[in-house]
Structures are given as C-alpha cells and as structure tokens.
PDB file of all heavy atoms in Angstrom:
ATOM      1  N   LYS A   1     109.772 115.483  99.362  1.00  0.00           N
ATOM      2  CA  LYS A   1     109.801 116.171 100.647  1.00  0.00           C
ATOM      3  C   LYS A   1     110.454 115.283 101.709  1.00  0.00           C
ATOM      4  O   LYS A   1     110.394 114.056 101.626  1.00  0.00           O
ATOM      5  CB  LYS A   1     108.385 116.543 101.080  1.00  0.00           C
ATOM      6  CG  LYS A   1     107.738 117.627 100.226  1.00  0.00           C
ATOM      7  CD  LYS A   1     106.349 117.959 100.751  1.00  0.00           C
ATOM      8  CE  LYS A   1     105.709 119.060  99.914  1.00  0.00           C
ATOM      9  NZ  LYS A   1     104.334 119.391 100.399  1.00  0.00           N
ATOM     10  N   PRO A   2     111.070 115.898 102.730  1.00  0.00           N
ATOM     11  CA  PRO A   2     111.669 115.097 103.812  1.00  0.00           C
ATOM     12  C   PRO A   2     110.629 114.236 104.512  1.00  0.00           C
ATOM     13  O   PRO A   2     109.435 114.564 104.524  1.00  0.00           O
ATOM     14  CB  PRO A   2     112.230 116.167 104.765  1.00  0.00           C
ATOM     15  CG  PRO A   2     112.377 117.393 103.935  1.00  0.00           C
ATOM     16  CD  PRO A   2     111.284 117.338 102.913  1.00  0.00           C
ATOM     17  N   HIS A   3     111.090 113.166 105.127  1.00  0.00           N
ATOM     18  CA  HIS A   3     110.204 112.244 105.832  1.00  0.00           C
ATOM     19  C   HIS A   3     109.683 112.920 107.099  1.00  0.00           C
ATOM     20  O   HIS A   3     110.445 113.209 108.025  1.00  0.00           O
ATOM     21  CB  HIS A   3     110.969 110.970 106.186  1.00  0.00           C
ATOM     22  CG  HIS A   3     110.106 109.870 106.683  1.00  0.00           C
ATOM     23  ND1 HIS A   3     110.497 109.007 107.694  1.00  0.00           N
ATOM     24  CD2 HIS A   3     108.860 109.471 106.327  1.00  0.00           C
ATOM     25  CE1 HIS A   3     109.544 108.129 107.917  1.00  0.00           C
ATOM     26  NE2 HIS A   3     108.533 108.391 107.107  1.00  0.00           N
ATOM     27  N   SER A   4     108.372 113.143 107.158  1.00  0.00           N
ATOM     28  CA  SER A   4     107.786 113.951 108.232  1.00  0.00           C
ATOM     29  C   SER A   4     107.224 113.119 109.380  1.00  0.00           C
ATOM     30  O   SER A   4     106.460 113.617 110.199  1.00  0.00           O
ATOM     31  CB  SER A   4     106.675 114.841 107.666  1.00  0.00           C
ATOM     32  OG  SER A   4     105.648 114.053 107.081  1.00  0.00           O
ATOM     33  N   GLY A   5     107.606 111.844 109.437  1.00  0.00           N
ATOM     34  CA  GLY A   5     107.134 110.974 110.517  1.00  0.00           C
ATOM     35  C   GLY A   5     108.167 109.926 110.850  1.00  0.00           C
ATOM     36  O   GLY A   5     109.334 110.002 110.428  1.00  0.00           O
ATOM     37  N   LEU A   6     107.727 108.950 111.611  1.00  0.00           N
ATOM     38  CA  LEU A   6     108.579 107.838 112.035  1.00  0.00           C
ATOM     39  C   LEU A   6     107.935 106.561 111.534  1.00  0.00           C
ATOM     40  O   LEU A   6     106.762 106.313 111.787  1.00  0.00           O
ATOM     41  CB  LEU A   6     108.662 107.826 113.565  1.00  0.00           C
ATOM     42  CG  LEU A   6     109.629 106.855 114.231  1.00  0.00           C
ATOM     43  CD1 LEU A   6     111.070 107.307 114.016  1.00  0.00           C
ATOM     44  CD2 LEU A   6     109.331 106.762 115.719  1.00  0.00           C
ATOM     45  N   ASP A   7     108.686 105.743 110.792  1.00  0.00           N
ATOM     46  CA  ASP A   7     108.179 104.468 110.302  1.00  0.00           C
ATOM     47  C   ASP A   7     108.569 103.353 111.256  1.00  0.00           C
ATOM     48  O   ASP A   7     109.750 103.187 111.599  1.00  0.00           O
ATOM     49  CB  ASP A   7     108.730 104.156 108.911  1.00  0.00           C
ATOM     50  CG  ASP A   7     108.070 104.990 107.819  1.00  0.00           C
ATOM     51  OD1 ASP A   7     107.139 105.754 108.137  1.00  0.00           O
ATOM     52  OD2 ASP A   7     108.502 104.883 106.660  1.00  0.00           O
ATOM     53  N   LEU A   8     107.560 102.577 111.675  1.00  0.00           N
ATOM     54  CA  LEU A   8     107.780 101.435 112.558  1.00  0.00           C
ATOM     55  C   LEU A   8     107.417 100.163 111.806  1.00  0.00           C
ATOM     56  O   LEU A   8     106.287 100.020 111.331  1.00  0.00           O
ATOM     57  CB  LEU A   8     106.931 101.566 113.821  1.00  0.00           C
ATOM     58  CG  LEU A   8     107.251 102.782 114.693  1.00  0.00           C
ATOM     59  CD1 LEU A   8     106.183 102.967 115.772  1.00  0.00           C
ATOM     60  CD2 LEU A   8     108.627 102.649 115.328  1.00  0.00           C
ATOM     61  N   ALA A   9     108.368  99.253 111.688  1.00  0.00           N
ATOM     62  CA  ALA A   9     108.144  98.007 110.957  1.00  0.00           C
ATOM     63  C   ALA A   9     107.422  97.005 111.843  1.00  0.00           C
ATOM     64  O   ALA A   9     107.774  96.816 113.005  1.00  0.00           O
ATOM     65  CB  ALA A   9     109.469  97.428 110.482  1.00  0.00           C
ATOM     66  N   ALA A  10     106.398  96.372 111.276  1.00  0.00           N
ATOM     67  CA  ALA A  10     105.651  95.331 112.000  1.00  0.00           C
ATOM     68  C   ALA A  10     104.863  94.534 110.975  1.00  0.00           C
ATOM     69  O   ALA A  10     104.512  95.041 109.901  1.00  0.00           O
ATOM     70  CB  ALA A  10     104.712  95.950 113.030  1.00  0.00           C
ATOM     71  N   PRO A  11     104.558  93.281 111.266  1.00  0.00           N
ATOM     72  CA  PRO A  11     103.786  92.462 110.325  1.00  0.00           C
ATOM     73  C   PRO A  11     102.391  93.038 110.090  1.00  0.00           C
ATOM     74  O   PRO A  11     101.809  93.676 110.978  1.00  0.00           O
ATOM     75  CB  PRO A  11     103.707  91.100 111.026  1.00  0.00           C
ATOM     76  CG  PRO A  11     104.827  91.093 112.003  1.00  0.00           C
ATOM     77  CD  PRO A  11     104.980  92.513 112.448  1.00  0.00           C
ATOM     78  N   GLU A  12     101.876  92.782 108.909  1.00  0.00           N
ATOM     79  CA  GLU A  12     100.518  93.226 108.585  1.00  0.00           C
ATOM     80  C   GLU A  12      99.529  92.619 109.579  1.00  0.00           C
ATOM     81  O   GLU A  12      99.608  91.446 109.924  1.00  0.00           O
ATOM     82  CB  GLU A  12     100.157  92.803 107.156  1.00  0.00           C
ATOM     83  CG  GLU A  12      98.863  93.386 106.656  1.00  0.00           C
ATOM     84  CD  GLU A  12      98.683  93.189 105.154  1.00  0.00           C
ATOM     85  OE1 GLU A  12      99.529  92.504 104.535  1.00  0.00           O
ATOM     86  OE2 GLU A  12      97.710  93.728 104.612  1.00  0.00           O
ATOM     87  N   GLY A  13      98.623  93.457 110.061  1.00  0.00           N
ATOM     88  CA  GLY A  13      97.631  93.012 111.031  1.00  0.00           C
ATOM     89  C   GLY A  13      98.009  93.287 112.475  1.00  0.00           C
ATOM     90  O   GLY A  13      97.180  93.103 113.379  1.00  0.00           O
ATOM     91  N   THR A  14      99.245  93.727 112.719  1.00  0.00           N
ATOM     92  CA  THR A  14      99.661  94.061 114.088  1.00  0.00           C
ATOM     93  C   THR A  14      98.803  95.208 114.620  1.00  0.00           C
ATOM     94  O   THR A  14      98.644  96.225 113.940  1.00  0.00           O
ATOM     95  CB  THR A  14     101.144  94.484 114.117  1.00  0.00           C
ATOM     96  OG1 THR A  14     101.950  93.420 113.612  1.00  0.00           O
ATOM     97  CG2 THR A  14     101.579  94.833 115.530  1.00  0.00           C
ATOM     98  N   PRO A  15      98.240  95.096 115.816  1.00  0.00           N
ATOM     99  CA  PRO A  15      97.398  96.170 116.346  1.00  0.00           C
ATOM    100  C   PRO A  15      98.172  97.472 116.533  1.00  0.00           C
ATOM    101  O   PRO A  15      99.339  97.467 116.933  1.00  0.00           O
ATOM    102  CB  PRO A  15      96.926  95.627 117.699  1.00  0.00           C
ATOM    103  CG  PRO A  15      97.081  94.150 117.598  1.00  0.00           C
ATOM    104  CD  PRO A  15      98.270  93.926 116.716  1.00  0.00           C
ATOM    105  N   ILE A  16      97.510  98.588 116.226  1.00  0.00           N
ATOM    106  CA  ILE A  16      98.052  99.929 116.463  1.00  0.00           C
ATOM    107  C   ILE A  16      97.281 100.525 117.634  1.00  0.00           C
ATOM    108  O   ILE A  16      96.046 100.538 117.622  1.00  0.00           O
ATOM    109  CB  ILE A  16      97.891 100.822 115.216  1.00  0.00           C
ATOM    110  CG1 ILE A  16      98.625 100.213 114.020  1.00  0.00           C
ATOM    111  CG2 ILE A  16      98.404 102.234 115.495  1.00  0.00           C
ATOM    112  CD1 ILE A  16      98.284 100.875 112.703  1.00  0.00           C
ATOM    113  N   ARG A  17      98.004 101.005 118.638  1.00  0.00           N
ATOM    114  CA  ARG A  17      97.369 101.511 119.848  1.00  0.00           C
ATOM    115  C   ARG A  17      97.595 103.014 120.003  1.00  0.00           C
ATOM    116  O   ARG A  17      98.675 103.517 119.673  1.00  0.00           O
ATOM    117  CB  ARG A  17      97.909 100.775 121.080  1.00  0.00           C
ATOM    118  CG  ARG A  17      97.644  99.266 121.028  1.00  0.00           C
ATOM    119  CD  ARG A  17      98.222  98.541 122.240  1.00  0.00           C
ATOM    120  NE  ARG A  17      98.039  97.093 122.121  1.00  0.00           N
ATOM    121  CZ  ARG A  17      96.937  96.451 122.482  1.00  0.00           C
ATOM    122  NH1 ARG A  17      95.913  97.130 122.997  1.00  0.00           N
ATOM    123  NH2 ARG A  17      96.837  95.143 122.344  1.00  0.00           N
ATOM    124  N   ALA A  18      96.595 103.710 120.527  1.00  0.00           N
ATOM    125  CA  ALA A  18      96.725 105.140 120.776  1.00  0.00           C
ATOM    126  C   ALA A  18      97.850 105.380 121.777  1.00  0.00           C
ATOM    127  O   ALA A  18      97.872 104.786 122.847  1.00  0.00           O
ATOM    128  CB  ALA A  18      95.414 105.705 121.314  1.00  0.00           C
ATOM    129  N   PRO A  19      98.818 106.248 121.440  1.00  0.00           N
ATOM    130  CA  PRO A  19      99.951 106.481 122.339  1.00  0.00           C
ATOM    131  C   PRO A  19      99.597 107.368 123.525  1.00  0.00           C
ATOM    132  O   PRO A  19     100.335 107.434 124.505  1.00  0.00           O
ATOM    133  CB  PRO A  19     100.970 107.167 121.437  1.00  0.00           C
ATOM    134  CG  PRO A  19     100.125 107.890 120.436  1.00  0.00           C
ATOM    135  CD  PRO A  19      98.937 107.003 120.193  1.00  0.00           C
ATOM    136  N   ALA A  20      98.451 108.063 123.435  1.00  0.00           N
ATOM    137  CA  ALA A  20      97.932 108.909 124.512  1.00  0.00           C
ATOM    138  C   ALA A  20      96.457 109.137 124.214  1.00  0.00           C
ATOM    139  O   ALA A  20      95.970 108.844 123.115  1.00  0.00           O
ATOM    140  CB  ALA A  20      98.687 110.236 124.585  1.00  0.00           C
ATOM    141  N   GLY A  21      95.725 109.657 125.184  1.00  0.00           N
ATOM    142  CA  GLY A  21      94.304 109.886 124.985  1.00  0.00           C
ATOM    143  C   GLY A  21      94.024 111.040 124.036  1.00  0.00           C
ATOM    144  O   GLY A  21      94.871 111.916 123.803  1.00  0.00           O
ATOM    145  N   GLY A  22      92.822 111.023 123.460  1.00  0.00           N
ATOM    146  CA  GLY A  22      92.420 112.097 122.555  1.00  0.00           C
ATOM    147  C   GLY A  22      91.120 111.757 121.859  1.00  0.00           C
ATOM    148  O   GLY A  22      90.395 110.839 122.273  1.00  0.00           O
ATOM    149  N   TYR A  23      90.829 112.478 120.808  1.00  0.00           N
ATOM    150  CA  TYR A  23      89.624 112.267 120.009  1.00  0.00           C
ATOM    151  C   TYR A  23      90.016 112.012 118.558  1.00  0.00           C
ATOM    152  O   TYR A  23      90.936 112.657 118.035  1.00  0.00           O
ATOM    153  CB  TYR A  23      88.692 113.477 120.084  1.00  0.00           C
ATOM    154  CG  TYR A  23      87.979 113.613 121.402  1.00  0.00           C
ATOM    155  CD1 TYR A  23      88.604 114.196 122.495  1.00  0.00           C
ATOM    156  CD2 TYR A  23      86.676 113.140 121.568  1.00  0.00           C
ATOM    157  CE1 TYR A  23      87.952 114.314 123.717  1.00  0.00           C
ATOM    158  CE2 TYR A  23      86.015 113.256 122.785  1.00  0.00           C
ATOM    159  CZ  TYR A  23      86.659 113.842 123.847  1.00  0.00           C
ATOM    160  OH  TYR A  23      86.011 113.956 125.060  1.00  0.00           O
ATOM    161  N   ILE A  24      89.327 111.097 117.905  1.00  0.00           N
ATOM    162  CA  ILE A  24      89.557 110.844 116.484  1.00  0.00           C
ATOM    163  C   ILE A  24      88.971 112.025 115.714  1.00  0.00           C
ATOM    164  O   ILE A  24      87.763 112.239 115.710  1.00  0.00           O
ATOM    165  CB  ILE A  24      88.893 109.530 116.030  1.00  0.00           C
ATOM    166  CG1 ILE A  24      89.358 108.356 116.905  1.00  0.00           C
ATOM    167  CG2 ILE A  24      89.188 109.274 114.556  1.00  0.00           C
ATOM    168  CD1 ILE A  24      90.844 108.116 116.898  1.00  0.00           C
ATOM    169  N   SER A  25      89.848 112.806 115.097  1.00  0.00           N
ATOM    170  CA  SER A  25      89.374 113.989 114.368  1.00  0.00           C
ATOM    171  C   SER A  25      88.997 113.662 112.934  1.00  0.00           C
ATOM    172  O   SER A  25      88.131 114.316 112.344  1.00  0.00           O
ATOM    173  CB  SER A  25      90.429 115.100 114.394  1.00  0.00           C
ATOM    174  OG  SER A  25      91.653 114.637 113.866  1.00  0.00           O
ATOM    175  N   ASP A  26      89.623 112.620 112.356  1.00  0.00           N
ATOM    176  CA  ASP A  26      89.278 112.235 110.984  1.00  0.00           C
ATOM    177  C   ASP A  26      89.918 110.891 110.666  1.00  0.00           C
ATOM    178  O   ASP A  26      90.860 110.450 111.326  1.00  0.00           O
ATOM    179  CB  ASP A  26      89.765 113.293 109.986  1.00  0.00           C
ATOM    180  CG  ASP A  26      88.976 113.275 108.680  1.00  0.00           C
ATOM    181  OD1 ASP A  26      88.044 112.436 108.554  1.00  0.00           O
ATOM    182  OD2 ASP A  26      89.264 114.099 107.794  1.00  0.00           O
ATOM    183  N   THR A  27      89.372 110.245 109.637  1.00  0.00           N
ATOM    184  CA  THR A  27      89.950 109.033 109.063  1.00  0.00           C
ATOM    185  C   THR A  27      89.790 109.129 107.557  1.00  0.00           C
ATOM    186  O   THR A  27      88.995 109.922 107.056  1.00  0.00           O
ATOM    187  CB  THR A  27      89.250 107.749 109.569  1.00  0.00           C
ATOM    188  OG1 THR A  27      87.894 107.753 109.101  1.00  0.00           O
ATOM    189  CG2 THR A  27      89.263 107.673 111.091  1.00  0.00           C
ATOM    190  N   GLY A  28      90.536 108.326 106.816  1.00  0.00           N
ATOM    191  CA  GLY A  28      90.385 108.353 105.367  1.00  0.00           C
ATOM    192  C   GLY A  28      91.248 107.319 104.691  1.00  0.00           C
ATOM    193  O   GLY A  28      92.116 106.690 105.308  1.00  0.00           O
ATOM    194  N   ASP A  29      91.003 107.134 103.392  1.00  0.00           N
ATOM    195  CA  ASP A  29      91.817 106.253 102.548  1.00  0.00           C
ATOM    196  C   ASP A  29      92.416 107.139 101.477  1.00  0.00           C
ATOM    197  O   ASP A  29      91.719 107.577 100.558  1.00  0.00           O
ATOM    198  CB  ASP A  29      90.948 105.152 101.941  1.00  0.00           C
ATOM    199  CG  ASP A  29      91.746 104.224 101.031  1.00  0.00           C
ATOM    200  OD1 ASP A  29      92.994 104.334 101.010  1.00  0.00           O
ATOM    201  OD2 ASP A  29      91.125 103.403 100.326  1.00  0.00           O
ATOM    202  N   TYR A  30      93.722 107.424 101.594  1.00  0.00           N
ATOM    203  CA  TYR A  30      94.375 108.416 100.749  1.00  0.00           C
ATOM    204  C   TYR A  30      95.344 107.775  99.752  1.00  0.00           C
ATOM    205  O   TYR A  30      95.882 106.698  99.995  1.00  0.00           O
ATOM    206  CB  TYR A  30      95.125 109.424 101.630  1.00  0.00           C
ATOM    207  CG  TYR A  30      94.234 110.125 102.633  1.00  0.00           C
ATOM    208  CD1 TYR A  30      94.544 110.128 103.986  1.00  0.00           C
ATOM    209  CD2 TYR A  30      93.073 110.771 102.229  1.00  0.00           C
ATOM    210  CE1 TYR A  30      93.731 110.773 104.907  1.00  0.00           C
ATOM    211  CE2 TYR A  30      92.253 111.416 103.136  1.00  0.00           C
ATOM    212  CZ  TYR A  30      92.582 111.406 104.468  1.00  0.00           C
ATOM    213  OH  TYR A  30      91.782 112.039 105.388  1.00  0.00           O
ATOM    214  N   PHE A  31      95.567 108.477  98.657  1.00  0.00           N
ATOM    215  CA  PHE A  31      96.383 107.970  97.555  1.00  0.00           C
ATOM    216  C   PHE A  31      97.782 107.573  98.026  1.00  0.00           C
ATOM    217  O   PHE A  31      98.255 106.467  97.749  1.00  0.00           O
ATOM    218  CB  PHE A  31      96.483 109.025  96.457  1.00  0.00           C
ATOM    219  CG  PHE A  31      97.194 108.555  95.208  1.00  0.00           C
ATOM    220  CD1 PHE A  31      96.525 107.825  94.233  1.00  0.00           C
ATOM    221  CD2 PHE A  31      98.543 108.851  95.010  1.00  0.00           C
ATOM    222  CE1 PHE A  31      97.186 107.395  93.083  1.00  0.00           C
ATOM    223  CE2 PHE A  31      99.205 108.425  93.867  1.00  0.00           C
ATOM    224  CZ  PHE A  31      98.525 107.696  92.903  1.00  0.00           C
ATOM    225  N   PHE A  32      98.464 108.469  98.720  1.00  0.00           N
ATOM    226  CA  PHE A  32      99.826 108.191  99.188  1.00  0.00           C
ATOM    227  C   PHE A  32      99.839 107.518 100.560  1.00  0.00           C
ATOM    228  O   PHE A  32     100.626 106.610 100.804  1.00  0.00           O
ATOM    229  CB  PHE A  32     100.649 109.483  99.256  1.00  0.00           C
ATOM    230  CG  PHE A  32     101.004 110.062  97.916  1.00  0.00           C
ATOM    231  CD1 PHE A  32     100.673 111.375  97.612  1.00  0.00           C
ATOM    232  CD2 PHE A  32     101.656 109.308  96.955  1.00  0.00           C
ATOM    233  CE1 PHE A  32     100.992 111.920  96.385  1.00  0.00           C
ATOM    234  CE2 PHE A  32     101.985 109.836  95.718  1.00  0.00           C
ATOM    235  CZ  PHE A  32     101.653 111.153  95.430  1.00  0.00           C
ATOM    236  N   ASN A  33      98.982 107.977 101.475  1.00  0.00           N
ATOM    237  CA  ASN A  33      99.045 107.529 102.867  1.00  0.00           C
ATOM    238  C   ASN A  33      98.226 106.278 103.152  1.00  0.00           C
ATOM    239  O   ASN A  33      98.347 105.699 104.237  1.00  0.00           O
ATOM    240  CB  ASN A  33      98.561 108.643 103.796  1.00  0.00           C
ATOM    241  CG  ASN A  33      99.465 109.854 103.740  1.00  0.00           C
ATOM    242  OD1 ASN A  33     100.625 109.764 103.352  1.00  0.00           O
ATOM    243  ND2 ASN A  33      98.934 110.998 104.122  1.00  0.00           N
ATOM    244  N   GLY A  34      97.407 105.845 102.213  1.00  0.00           N
ATOM    245  CA  GLY A  34      96.569 104.680 102.448  1.00  0.00           C
ATOM    246  C   GLY A  34      95.554 104.946 103.552  1.00  0.00           C
ATOM    247  O   GLY A  34      95.158 106.098 103.807  1.00  0.00           O
ATOM    248  N   ASN A  35      95.118 103.893 104.232  1.00  0.00           N
ATOM    249  CA  ASN A  35      94.164 104.053 105.336  1.00  0.00           C
ATOM    250  C   ASN A  35      94.832 104.821 106.479  1.00  0.00           C
ATOM    251  O   ASN A  35      95.897 104.425 106.963  1.00  0.00           O
ATOM    252  CB  ASN A  35      93.699 102.688 105.832  1.00  0.00           C
ATOM    253  CG  ASN A  35      92.845 101.977 104.796  1.00  0.00           C
ATOM    254  OD1 ASN A  35      92.066 102.595 104.081  1.00  0.00           O
ATOM    255  ND2 ASN A  35      92.989 100.660 104.714  1.00  0.00           N
ATOM    256  N   THR A  36      94.179 105.894 106.904  1.00  0.00           N
ATOM    257  CA  THR A  36      94.813 106.855 107.819  1.00  0.00           C
ATOM    258  C   THR A  36      93.860 107.258 108.936  1.00  0.00           C
ATOM    259  O   THR A  36      92.653 107.389 108.724  1.00  0.00           O
ATOM    260  CB  THR A  36      95.256 108.105 107.035  1.00  0.00           C
ATOM    261  OG1 THR A  36      96.200 107.713 106.031  1.00  0.00           O
ATOM    262  CG2 THR A  36      95.884 109.147 107.939  1.00  0.00           C
ATOM    263  N   VAL A  37      94.438 107.488 110.127  1.00  0.00           N
ATOM    264  CA  VAL A  37      93.691 107.963 111.294  1.00  0.00           C
ATOM    265  C   VAL A  37      94.412 109.167 111.883  1.00  0.00           C
ATOM    266  O   VAL A  37      95.648 109.199 111.939  1.00  0.00           O
ATOM    267  CB  VAL A  37      93.563 106.854 112.366  1.00  0.00           C
ATOM    268  CG1 VAL A  37      93.051 107.424 113.690  1.00  0.00           C
ATOM    269  CG2 VAL A  37      92.644 105.744 111.887  1.00  0.00           C
ATOM    270  N   PHE A  38      93.644 110.165 112.339  1.00  0.00           N
ATOM    271  CA  PHE A  38      94.188 111.326 113.040  1.00  0.00           C
ATOM    272  C   PHE A  38      93.620 111.351 114.453  1.00  0.00           C
ATOM    273  O   PHE A  38      92.413 111.218 114.646  1.00  0.00           O
ATOM    274  CB  PHE A  38      93.807 112.633 112.339  1.00  0.00           C
ATOM    275  CG  PHE A  38      94.298 112.745 110.929  1.00  0.00           C
ATOM    276  CD1 PHE A  38      93.523 112.287 109.869  1.00  0.00           C
ATOM    277  CD2 PHE A  38      95.526 113.313 110.649  1.00  0.00           C
ATOM    278  CE1 PHE A  38      93.959 112.391 108.568  1.00  0.00           C
ATOM    279  CE2 PHE A  38      95.979 113.418 109.337  1.00  0.00           C
ATOM    280  CZ  PHE A  38      95.194 112.959 108.301  1.00  0.00           C
ATOM    281  N   ILE A  39      94.489 111.525 115.447  1.00  0.00           N
ATOM    282  CA  ILE A  39      94.051 111.708 116.832  1.00  0.00           C
ATOM    283  C   ILE A  39      94.404 113.126 117.269  1.00  0.00           C
ATOM    284  O   ILE A  39      95.571 113.533 117.197  1.00  0.00           O
ATOM    285  CB  ILE A  39      94.708 110.707 117.799  1.00  0.00           C
ATOM    286  CG1 ILE A  39      94.413 109.264 117.383  1.00  0.00           C
ATOM    287  CG2 ILE A  39      94.205 110.953 119.231  1.00  0.00           C
ATOM    288  CD1 ILE A  39      95.056 108.225 118.291  1.00  0.00           C
TER     289      ILE A  39
END
C-alpha cells in the first residue's frame, strides 16, 4: 500500500511532542507499526 504518513528521521530516544492539543484515544504495540500512539 502507498505510504500513508510522513517519516521523520531522528536518533533513537529523541522526544516526540504533541503537534497540537487533544486526547490520547489509544496506544499499542503492533506487528508492523511497533509502539504506537493515537491523538
């Protein structure tokens, strides 16, 4: 399938910050996506 997001390169451990306010609707550890967060 086509790439449905944007990949940003950064060293492991670099903090990820919320780009805007919201609520965490879910988190998980998935086969393809690995550790994942939804806002």
